[in-house]
C-alpha atoms as a PDB file:
ATOM      1  CA  ALA A   1      -2.971 -14.379  -5.566  1.00  0.00           C
ATOM      2  CA  ILE A   2      -3.841 -14.762  -1.891  1.00  0.00           C
ATOM      3  CA  SER A   3      -7.405 -15.675  -2.842  1.00  0.00           C
ATOM      4  CA  ALA A   4      -5.931 -18.604  -4.816  1.00  0.00           C
ATOM      5  CA  GLY A   5      -3.898 -19.727  -1.790  1.00  0.00           C
ATOM      6  CA  CYS A   6      -0.538 -18.447  -3.031  1.00  0.00           C
ATOM      7  CA  ILE A   7       2.082 -17.407  -0.499  1.00  0.00           C
ATOM      8  CA  PRO A   8       2.857 -13.717  -1.113  1.00  0.00           C
ATOM      9  CA  ILE A   9       6.436 -12.738  -1.848  1.00  0.00           C
ATOM     10  CA  LEU A  10       6.776  -9.064  -1.027  1.00  0.00           C
ATOM     11  CA  ILE A  11       9.665  -7.085  -2.469  1.00  0.00           C
ATOM     12  CA  GLY A  12      10.297  -3.509  -1.487  1.00  0.00           C
ATOM     13  CA  ASP A  13      11.753  -1.064   0.945  1.00  0.00           C
ATOM     14  CA  GLY A  14      10.083   1.405   3.263  1.00  0.00           C
ATOM     15  CA  TYR A  15       6.485   0.269   3.245  1.00  0.00           C
ATOM     16  CA  VAL A  16       4.313  -0.825   6.145  1.00  0.00           C
ATOM     17  CA  LEU A  17       1.999  -3.787   5.690  1.00  0.00           C
ATOM     18  CA  PRO A  18      -1.613  -3.229   6.784  1.00  0.00           C
ATOM     19  CA  THR A  19      -2.922  -4.956   9.887  1.00  0.00           C
ATOM     20  CA  PHE A  20      -6.482  -3.610   9.769  1.00  0.00           C
ATOM     21  CA  ASP A  21      -6.280  -3.415  13.591  1.00  0.00           C
ATOM     22  CA  ASN A  22      -6.280  -7.196  13.774  1.00  0.00           C
ATOM     23  CA  PRO A  23      -3.650  -8.770  16.055  1.00  0.00           C
ATOM     24  CA  GLU A  24      -4.073 -12.130  14.262  1.00  0.00           C
ATOM     25  CA  LEU A  25      -2.676 -10.671  11.043  1.00  0.00           C
ATOM     26  CA  ASP A  26       1.014 -11.557  11.270  1.00  0.00           C
ATOM     27  CA  TRP A  27       2.384 -11.174   7.734  1.00  0.00           C
ATOM     28  CA  ARG A  28       5.491 -13.208   8.652  1.00  0.00           C
ATOM     29  CA  SER A  29       3.286 -16.266   9.177  1.00  0.00           C
ATOM     30  CA  PHE A  30       1.975 -16.315   5.610  1.00  0.00           C
ATOM     31  CA  SER A  31       4.351 -14.298   3.408  1.00  0.00           C
ATOM     32  CA  PHE A  32       8.001 -13.665   2.660  1.00  0.00           C
ATOM     33  CA  LYS A  33       9.369 -10.129   2.569  1.00  0.00           C
ATOM     34  CA  PHE A  34      12.589  -9.123   0.833  1.00  0.00           C
ATOM     35  CA  ALA A  35      14.353  -5.796   0.466  1.00  0.00           C
ATOM     36  CA  GLU A  36      15.011  -4.649  -3.078  1.00  0.00           C
ATOM     37  CA  SER A  37      18.715  -5.259  -2.472  1.00  0.00           C
ATOM     38  CA  GLU A  38      17.953  -8.948  -1.752  1.00  0.00           C
ATOM     39  CA  MET A  39      16.370  -9.745  -5.121  1.00  0.00           C
ATOM     40  CA  ASP A  40      19.226 -12.085  -6.073  1.00  0.00           C
ATOM     41  CA  GLN A  41      18.596 -14.134  -2.910  1.00  0.00           C
ATOM     42  CA  ILE A  42      14.903 -14.843  -3.518  1.00  0.00           C
ATOM     43  CA  GLU A  43      15.171 -17.831  -5.854  1.00  0.00           C
ATOM     44  CA  PRO A  44      17.766 -19.720  -3.772  1.00  0.00           C
ATOM     45  CA  PHE A  45      15.736 -18.988  -0.637  1.00  0.00           C
ATOM     46  CA  LEU A  46      12.533 -20.342  -2.181  1.00  0.00           C
ATOM     47  CA  ARG A  47      14.242 -23.432  -3.579  1.00  0.00           C
ATOM     48  CA  GLY A  48      15.565 -24.223  -0.104  1.00  0.00           C
ATOM     49  CA  LEU A  49      12.217 -24.086   1.666  1.00  0.00           C
ATOM     50  CA  ASP A  50      11.037 -27.114   3.584  1.00  0.00           C
ATOM     51  CA  GLU A  51       7.771 -28.665   2.361  1.00  0.00           C
ATOM     52  CA  THR A  52       6.373 -28.651   5.887  1.00  0.00           C
ATOM     53  CA  LEU A  53       6.879 -24.883   6.133  1.00  0.00           C
ATOM     54  CA  ILE A  54       5.272 -24.363   2.733  1.00  0.00           C
ATOM     55  CA  ARG A  55       2.198 -26.374   3.765  1.00  0.00           C
ATOM     56  CA  LYS A  56       1.933 -24.446   7.043  1.00  0.00           C
ATOM     57  CA  MET A  57       2.162 -21.120   5.227  1.00  0.00           C
ATOM     58  CA  HIS A  58      -0.496 -22.231   2.706  1.00  0.00           C
ATOM     59  CA  ASP A  59      -2.756 -23.041   5.661  1.00  0.00           C
ATOM     60  CA  ASN A  60      -2.003 -19.622   7.145  1.00  0.00           C
ATOM     61  CA  VAL A  61      -2.799 -17.897   3.836  1.00  0.00           C
ATOM     62  CA  ARG A  62      -6.151 -19.667   3.787  1.00  0.00           C
ATOM     63  CA  ASP A  63      -6.800 -18.614   7.404  1.00  0.00           C
ATOM     64  CA  VAL A  64      -5.987 -14.925   6.911  1.00  0.00           C
ATOM     65  CA  TYR A  65      -7.683 -14.475   3.545  1.00  0.00           C
ATOM     66  CA  PRO A  66     -11.068 -13.528   5.094  1.00  0.00           C
ATOM     67  CA  ILE A  67      -9.324 -10.950   7.305  1.00  0.00           C
ATOM     68  CA  LEU A  68      -7.517  -9.447   4.326  1.00  0.00           C
ATOM     69  CA  GLU A  69     -10.664  -9.438   2.227  1.00  0.00           C
ATOM     70  CA  ARG A  70     -12.628  -7.608   4.943  1.00  0.00           C
ATOM     71  CA  GLY A  71      -9.745  -5.197   5.480  1.00  0.00           C
ATOM     72  CA  THR A  72      -9.623  -4.349   1.784  1.00  0.00           C
ATOM     73  CA  HIS A  73     -13.297  -3.469   1.897  1.00  0.00           C
ATOM     74  CA  LEU A  74     -12.656  -1.222   4.901  1.00  0.00           C
ATOM     75  CA  VAL A  75      -9.906   0.600   3.032  1.00  0.00           C
ATOM     76  CA  GLU A  76     -12.122   1.046  -0.015  1.00  0.00           C
ATOM     77  CA  GLY A  77     -14.971   2.266   2.189  1.00  0.00           C
ATOM     78  CA  ILE A  78     -17.261  -0.675   1.480  1.00  0.00           C
ATOM     79  CA  PRO A  79     -19.182  -1.877   4.543  1.00  0.00           C
END
């Protein structure tokens, strides 16, 4: 979904998002993270988002996609 420019919505507890040793990779700048107990709050939250924030996050998704793509290759062991 990130490759298509979608803003990730991450739902879960107790996981750590990869940074691939890249300080530019700030997941909060291009995704939304919710605990499993907050599932009922996701739709109202998304409906209340400001269009300016959505555009900025889309831009951020586009900017970090190459970093994420390279990082995925590193994890899979592909040079």
